[in-house]
C-alpha atoms as a PDB file:
ATOM      1  CA  UNK A   1     -27.096 -23.370  66.172  1.00  0.00           C
ATOM      2  CA  UNK A   2     -26.324 -20.340  68.504  1.00  0.00           C
ATOM      3  CA  UNK A   3     -29.949 -18.663  67.432  1.00  0.00           C
ATOM      4  CA  UNK A   4     -31.646 -21.999  68.553  1.00  0.00           C
ATOM      5  CA  UNK A   5     -29.886 -22.012  72.240  1.00  0.00           C
ATOM      6  CA  UNK A   6     -31.016 -18.293  72.434  1.00  0.00           C
ATOM      7  CA  UNK A   7     -34.533 -19.010  71.948  1.00  0.00           C
ATOM      8  CA  UNK A   8     -34.810 -21.117  74.242  1.00  0.00           C
ATOM      9  CA  UNK A   9     -32.954 -19.260  77.129  1.00  0.00           C
ATOM     10  CA  UNK A  10     -35.524 -16.431  76.837  1.00  0.00           C
ATOM     11  CA  UNK A  11     -38.082 -17.645  75.136  1.00  0.00           C
ATOM     12  CA  UNK A  12     -39.038 -17.747  71.263  1.00  0.00           C
ATOM     13  CA  UNK A  13     -40.371 -14.017  70.811  1.00  0.00           C
ATOM     14  CA  UNK A  14     -40.506 -14.769  66.590  1.00  0.00           C
ATOM     15  CA  UNK A  15     -43.600 -15.127  64.780  1.00  0.00           C
ATOM     16  CA  UNK A  16     -43.636 -16.928  62.828  1.00  0.00           C
ATOM     17  CA  UNK A  17     -44.545 -15.571  59.113  1.00  0.00           C
ATOM     18  CA  UNK A  18     -47.905 -16.300  57.251  1.00  0.00           C
ATOM     19  CA  UNK A  19     -47.463 -18.160  53.743  1.00  0.00           C
ATOM     20  CA  UNK A  20     -47.848 -15.907  51.062  1.00  0.00           C
ATOM     21  CA  UNK A  21     -50.928 -16.578  48.665  1.00  0.00           C
ATOM     22  CA  UNK A  22     -50.117 -17.139  45.295  1.00  0.00           C
ATOM     23  CA  UNK A  23     -51.257 -15.005  42.924  1.00  0.00           C
ATOM     24  CA  UNK A  24     -53.721 -16.599  39.835  1.00  0.00           C
ATOM     25  CA  UNK A  25     -51.747 -17.875  36.779  1.00  0.00           C
ATOM     26  CA  UNK A  26     -52.599 -15.689  34.200  1.00  0.00           C
ATOM     27  CA  UNK A  27     -53.224 -17.813  31.269  1.00  0.00           C
ATOM     28  CA  UNK A  28     -51.476 -16.069  28.165  1.00  0.00           C
ATOM     29  CA  UNK A  29     -53.311 -15.582  24.717  1.00  0.00           C
ATOM     30  CA  UNK A  30     -50.982 -17.330  22.225  1.00  0.00           C
ATOM     31  CA  UNK A  31     -49.394 -14.591  20.020  1.00  0.00           C
ATOM     32  CA  UNK A  32     -49.452 -13.831  16.585  1.00  0.00           C
ATOM     33  CA  UNK A  33     -46.718 -15.619  14.435  1.00  0.00           C
ATOM     34  CA  UNK A  34     -44.142 -13.088  13.812  1.00  0.00           C
ATOM     35  CA  UNK A  35     -43.455 -11.605  10.670  1.00  0.00           C
ATOM     36  CA  UNK A  36     -40.274 -12.467   8.481  1.00  0.00           C
ATOM     37  CA  UNK A  37     -38.013  -9.900   8.493  1.00  0.00           C
ATOM     38  CA  UNK A  38     -36.891  -9.280   4.575  1.00  0.00           C
ATOM     39  CA  UNK A  39     -33.281 -10.409   4.459  1.00  0.00           C
ATOM     40  CA  UNK A  40     -29.983  -7.858   3.261  1.00  0.00           C
ATOM     41  CA  UNK A  41     -29.426  -8.235  -0.453  1.00  0.00           C
ATOM     42  CA  UNK A  42     -26.051 -10.449  -0.966  1.00  0.00           C
ATOM     43  CA  UNK A  43     -24.301 -10.070  -3.471  1.00  0.00           C
ATOM     44  CA  UNK A  44     -25.230 -12.913  -6.686  1.00  0.00           C
ATOM     45  CA  UNK A  45     -23.333 -16.307  -7.102  1.00  0.00           C
ATOM     46  CA  UNK A  46     -20.816 -16.001 -10.070  1.00  0.00           C
ATOM     47  CA  UNK A  47     -22.777 -17.103 -13.078  1.00  0.00           C
ATOM     48  CA  UNK A  48     -21.233 -19.541 -15.681  1.00  0.00           C
ATOM     49  CA  UNK A  49     -19.340 -17.166 -17.907  1.00  0.00           C
ATOM     50  CA  UNK A  50     -17.604 -16.046 -14.533  1.00  0.00           C
ATOM     51  CA  UNK A  51     -14.104 -17.908 -14.396  1.00  0.00           C
ATOM     52  CA  UNK A  52     -12.469 -18.354 -11.240  1.00  0.00           C
ATOM     53  CA  UNK A  53      -8.776 -17.294 -11.403  1.00  0.00           C
ATOM     54  CA  UNK A  54      -7.738 -17.116  -7.947  1.00  0.00           C
ATOM     55  CA  UNK A  55      -8.002 -15.686  -4.386  1.00  0.00           C
ATOM     56  CA  UNK A  56      -6.978 -13.208  -1.673  1.00  0.00           C
ATOM     57  CA  UNK A  57      -4.200 -13.929  -0.292  1.00  0.00           C
ATOM     58  CA  UNK A  58      -3.355 -10.894   1.646  1.00  0.00           C
ATOM     59  CA  UNK A  59      -4.915  -6.679   1.672  1.00  0.00           C
ATOM     60  CA  UNK A  60      -2.964  -3.987   2.857  1.00  0.00           C
ATOM     61  CA  UNK A  61      -5.126  -1.197   4.044  1.00  0.00           C
ATOM     62  CA  UNK A  62      -2.532   2.101   3.760  1.00  0.00           C
ATOM     63  CA  UNK A  63      -1.669   1.423  -0.198  1.00  0.00           C
ATOM     64  CA  UNK A  64      -5.496  -0.338  -0.818  1.00  0.00           C
ATOM     65  CA  UNK A  65      -3.599  -2.944  -2.182  1.00  0.00           C
ATOM     66  CA  UNK A  66      -4.422  -6.545  -2.756  1.00  0.00           C
ATOM     67  CA  UNK A  67      -2.345  -9.767  -3.152  1.00  0.00           C
ATOM     68  CA  UNK A  68      -3.946 -12.315  -5.593  1.00  0.00           C
ATOM     69  CA  UNK A  69      -2.650 -16.264  -6.258  1.00  0.00           C
ATOM     70  CA  UNK A  70      -3.428 -16.781  -9.619  1.00  0.00           C
ATOM     71  CA  UNK A  71      -4.463 -21.153  -9.561  1.00  0.00           C
ATOM     72  CA  UNK A  72      -5.835 -21.067 -13.055  1.00  0.00           C
ATOM     73  CA  UNK A  73      -5.436 -19.404 -16.095  1.00  0.00           C
ATOM     74  CA  UNK A  74      -3.706 -16.352 -16.252  1.00  0.00           C
ATOM     75  CA  UNK A  75      -3.888 -12.335 -15.428  1.00  0.00           C
ATOM     76  CA  UNK A  76      -3.897  -9.701 -17.535  1.00  0.00           C
ATOM     77  CA  UNK A  77      -2.952  -5.809 -17.201  1.00  0.00           C
ATOM     78  CA  UNK A  78      -6.486  -4.267 -18.768  1.00  0.00           C
ATOM     79  CA  UNK A  79      -8.785  -7.592 -17.564  1.00  0.00           C
ATOM     80  CA  UNK A  80     -12.193  -6.838 -15.377  1.00  0.00           C
ATOM     81  CA  UNK A  81     -12.157  -8.504 -12.210  1.00  0.00           C
ATOM     82  CA  UNK A  82     -14.599  -9.101  -9.450  1.00  0.00           C
ATOM     83  CA  UNK A  83     -13.808  -9.781  -6.337  1.00  0.00           C
ATOM     84  CA  UNK A  84     -16.651 -11.776  -4.176  1.00  0.00           C
ATOM     85  CA  UNK A  85     -16.800 -12.742  -0.983  1.00  0.00           C
ATOM     86  CA  UNK A  86     -18.549 -12.770   2.070  1.00  0.00           C
ATOM     87  CA  UNK A  87     -19.008  -9.216   2.845  1.00  0.00           C
ATOM     88  CA  UNK A  88     -17.006  -8.131  -0.470  1.00  0.00           C
ATOM     89  CA  UNK A  89     -18.835  -7.466  -4.153  1.00  0.00           C
ATOM     90  CA  UNK A  90     -15.998  -5.213  -6.066  1.00  0.00           C
ATOM     91  CA  UNK A  91     -15.533  -5.241 -10.454  1.00  0.00           C
ATOM     92  CA  UNK A  92     -12.990  -2.561 -11.174  1.00  0.00           C
ATOM     93  CA  UNK A  93     -10.129  -2.895 -14.339  1.00  0.00           C
ATOM     94  CA  UNK A  94      -6.840  -4.045 -13.378  1.00  0.00           C
ATOM     95  CA  UNK A  95      -4.497  -0.667 -14.229  1.00  0.00           C
ATOM     96  CA  UNK A  96      -1.664  -2.489 -12.974  1.00  0.00           C
ATOM     97  CA  UNK A  97       0.084  -5.032 -11.388  1.00  0.00           C
ATOM     98  CA  UNK A  98       3.198  -5.822  -9.181  1.00  0.00           C
ATOM     99  CA  UNK A  99       5.536  -9.173  -8.354  1.00  0.00           C
ATOM    100  CA  UNK A 100       8.746  -8.003  -5.863  1.00  0.00           C
ATOM    101  CA  UNK A 101       7.372  -3.882  -7.235  1.00  0.00           C
ATOM    102  CA  UNK A 102       8.177  -4.113 -10.069  1.00  0.00           C
ATOM    103  CA  UNK A 103       5.471  -3.715 -12.184  1.00  0.00           C
ATOM    104  CA  UNK A 104       4.228  -6.235 -14.712  1.00  0.00           C
ATOM    105  CA  UNK A 105       1.975  -6.374 -17.904  1.00  0.00           C
ATOM    106  CA  UNK A 106       0.926 -10.632 -17.166  1.00  0.00           C
ATOM    107  CA  UNK A 107       0.593 -12.988 -14.230  1.00  0.00           C
ATOM    108  CA  UNK A 108       0.661 -17.082 -14.956  1.00  0.00           C
ATOM    109  CA  UNK A 109      -1.393 -19.508 -12.326  1.00  0.00           C
ATOM    110  CA  UNK A 110       0.847 -19.775  -9.424  1.00  0.00           C
ATOM    111  CA  UNK A 111       2.097 -16.578  -8.841  1.00  0.00           C
ATOM    112  CA  UNK A 112       1.365 -14.112  -6.919  1.00  0.00           C
ATOM    113  CA  UNK A 113       0.925 -10.833  -7.902  1.00  0.00           C
ATOM    114  CA  UNK A 114      -0.135  -7.170  -6.097  1.00  0.00           C
ATOM    115  CA  UNK A 115      -2.812  -5.127  -7.219  1.00  0.00           C
ATOM    116  CA  UNK A 116      -3.968  -1.747  -6.321  1.00  0.00           C
ATOM    117  CA  UNK A 117      -8.006  -2.311  -5.799  1.00  0.00           C
ATOM    118  CA  UNK A 118     -10.512   0.271  -5.206  1.00  0.00           C
ATOM    119  CA  UNK A 119     -12.254  -0.611  -1.623  1.00  0.00           C
ATOM    120  CA  UNK A 120     -11.395  -3.102   0.631  1.00  0.00           C
ATOM    121  CA  UNK A 121     -10.991  -6.797   0.114  1.00  0.00           C
ATOM    122  CA  UNK A 122     -10.543  -9.604   2.332  1.00  0.00           C
ATOM    123  CA  UNK A 123      -8.088 -12.724   2.769  1.00  0.00           C
ATOM    124  CA  UNK A 124     -10.213 -15.308   1.395  1.00  0.00           C
ATOM    125  CA  UNK A 125     -12.416 -13.312  -1.289  1.00  0.00           C
ATOM    126  CA  UNK A 126     -12.229 -15.092  -5.056  1.00  0.00           C
ATOM    127  CA  UNK A 127     -11.422 -13.443  -7.970  1.00  0.00           C
ATOM    128  CA  UNK A 128     -13.251 -14.070 -11.348  1.00  0.00           C
ATOM    129  CA  UNK A 129     -12.249 -12.773 -14.482  1.00  0.00           C
ATOM    130  CA  UNK A 130     -15.451 -11.530 -16.585  1.00  0.00           C
ATOM    131  CA  UNK A 131     -15.882 -11.216 -19.986  1.00  0.00           C
ATOM    132  CA  UNK A 132     -14.310  -8.284 -21.342  1.00  0.00           C
END
């Protein structure tokens, strides 16, 4: 508003800017189709001989212990298990099990047991009993 009044009083000394030239549009050729990137190898899914017996409900990293909830069957010391999840693929033999810091030899359906594991397990990972 002040600019207009000032321009009227002293006369317009501003030059109008010439219109900018438009740059010609470059035609882009069609790009070659993208190559498929090889995906990371995922752990194989459980086979028919692998029986799911439970889930990991907790993991403690300092003593490297996983808490398992047994949902089917039973689990004994000496059984070979497979802990399988999105980023977990761990097979091991159970050396010891505990319930409330008391060692046990066998856990049945519904029990929550702690076992020492060799690597990280995550909550929600599935536990499969492997044939001996």
